[in-house]
Protein backbone atom coordinates (compact mmCIF):
# COMPACT_ATOMS: atom_id res chain seq x y z
CA VAL A 1 0.08 -0.04 0.05
CA GLN A 2 1.31 3.39 -0.77
CA LEU A 3 -0.61 6.79 -0.72
CA VAL A 4 1.05 9.76 -2.49
CA GLU A 5 -0.27 13.22 -2.00
CA SER A 6 -0.11 16.19 -3.88
CA GLY A 7 -1.49 19.59 -4.81
CA GLY A 8 -0.25 21.89 -2.20
CA GLY A 9 1.19 24.97 -2.78
CA SER A 10 1.28 28.69 -1.56
CA VAL A 11 -2.36 30.91 -2.25
CA GLN A 12 -3.32 33.98 -0.85
CA ALA A 13 -6.12 33.53 1.61
CA GLY A 14 -9.66 33.20 -0.29
CA GLY A 15 -7.87 31.26 -2.87
CA SER A 16 -8.28 27.52 -3.42
CA LEU A 17 -6.48 24.31 -3.80
CA ARG A 18 -6.76 21.02 -4.70
CA LEU A 19 -5.08 18.16 -2.64
CA SER A 20 -4.78 14.50 -4.18
CA CYS A 21 -4.07 11.38 -2.21
CA ALA A 22 -3.16 8.74 -5.03
CA ALA A 23 -3.41 5.28 -3.45
CA SER A 24 -1.62 1.88 -5.04
CA GLY A 25 -1.48 -1.50 -3.82
CA TYR A 26 -5.09 -1.70 -2.69
CA THR A 27 -8.71 -0.82 -3.83
CA ALA A 28 -9.02 2.70 -2.06
CA CYS A 29 -12.80 3.12 -2.55
CA ASN A 30 -13.21 -0.17 -0.14
CA TYR A 31 -11.84 1.59 2.71
CA ASP A 32 -11.87 4.96 4.60
CA MET A 33 -9.35 7.72 3.89
CA THR A 34 -8.86 10.43 6.03
CA TRP A 35 -7.12 13.93 6.00
CA TYR A 36 -5.32 15.52 8.69
CA ARG A 37 -2.91 18.64 9.12
CA GLN A 38 -0.18 19.50 11.43
CA ALA A 39 0.86 23.40 11.39
CA PRO A 40 4.37 24.18 12.92
CA GLY A 41 4.33 23.68 16.72
CA LYS A 42 1.16 22.09 16.79
CA GLU A 43 -0.32 18.34 16.61
CA ARG A 44 -1.65 16.66 13.97
CA GLU A 45 -5.38 17.48 13.51
CA PHE A 46 -8.10 15.38 11.98
CA VAL A 47 -9.41 17.38 9.10
CA SER A 48 -11.86 15.25 6.98
CA ARG A 49 -12.62 11.37 6.33
CA ILE A 50 -14.29 9.76 3.51
CA VAL A 51 -15.83 6.09 4.51
CA SER A 52 -16.17 3.35 1.88
CA GLY A 53 -19.50 4.42 1.13
CA SER A 54 -18.56 7.95 0.35
CA SER A 55 -20.05 9.57 3.33
CA THR A 56 -18.06 12.14 4.52
CA THR A 57 -17.22 13.91 7.94
CA TYR A 58 -15.37 17.51 8.23
CA THR A 59 -14.06 19.15 11.43
CA ASP A 60 -15.92 22.13 12.36
CA SER A 61 -13.49 24.91 10.93
CA VAL A 62 -13.29 23.65 7.48
CA LYS A 63 -17.45 22.50 7.05
CA GLY A 64 -18.59 24.77 4.17
CA ARG A 65 -15.28 25.29 2.64
CA PHE A 66 -13.11 21.85 2.20
CA THR A 67 -14.98 18.81 0.06
CA ASN A 68 -13.75 15.23 0.33
CA SER A 69 -14.41 13.05 -2.60
CA ARG A 70 -13.15 10.29 -4.74
CA ASP A 71 -12.34 9.02 -8.10
CA ASN A 72 -12.57 5.12 -7.93
CA ALA A 73 -11.34 4.67 -11.58
CA LYS A 74 -7.98 6.53 -10.72
CA ASN A 75 -7.93 5.15 -7.19
CA THR A 76 -7.29 8.64 -6.09
CA VAL A 77 -8.85 10.75 -2.78
CA TYR A 78 -9.18 14.61 -3.40
CA LEU A 79 -9.42 17.31 -1.02
CA GLN A 80 -11.10 20.30 -2.42
CA MET A 81 -10.34 23.60 -0.50
CA ASN A 82 -11.88 26.75 -0.94
CA SER A 83 -11.83 30.03 0.96
CA LEU A 84 -8.67 29.27 2.44
CA GLU A 85 -7.55 30.83 5.48
CA PRO A 86 -4.10 31.52 7.08
CA GLU A 87 -5.31 29.20 9.54
CA ASP A 88 -5.57 26.54 7.19
CA THR A 89 -1.29 26.71 6.66
CA ALA A 90 -0.15 23.05 7.32
CA MET A 91 1.52 20.00 5.79
CA TYR A 92 -1.70 17.92 5.03
CA TYR A 93 -1.47 13.85 4.98
CA CYS A 94 -4.04 11.31 4.08
CA LYS A 95 -3.81 7.92 5.76
CA THR A 96 -5.82 4.75 5.47
CA VAL A 97 -6.09 1.93 7.47
CA TRP A 98 -5.50 -1.16 5.45
CA HIS A 99 -5.77 -5.11 7.46
CA GLY A 100 -5.47 -3.31 10.56
CA ARG A 101 -2.40 -1.16 9.67
CA ASP A 102 -1.70 2.86 9.07
CA PHE A 103 -0.43 3.66 5.99
CA TRP A 104 0.18 7.47 5.70
CA GLY A 105 1.24 9.36 2.47
CA GLN A 106 4.56 11.86 2.78
CA GLY A 107 2.53 15.08 3.09
CA THR A 108 1.72 18.00 0.88
CA GLN A 109 2.55 21.62 2.37
CA VAL A 110 -0.35 24.38 2.03
CA THR A 111 0.65 27.95 2.86
CA VAL A 112 -1.88 30.73 2.94
CA SER A 113 -0.65 34.03 2.88
């Protein structure tokens, strides 16, 4: 199992980014995928989860601004981030649990100024 994030970058407040988490080695649509973020000096925090049935949950601070979705044909999960705020600046990670083990991507940096 391998997860590879991409799509991070530097944007101004109010801008948008779409993060991708490309999965390989397993069928991602059959498993939950969770996005986390970690800002400098802070603990890693939950951002959003998409479950195998494609229902989604979000932390309160991103509700209405972020959208978690899947493209099953591409075995990829996306995090569309709109109306970005400086407080969203962090390294973003995707994580799945497969056969009882946690698998994390390497992270992608999002900087909002």
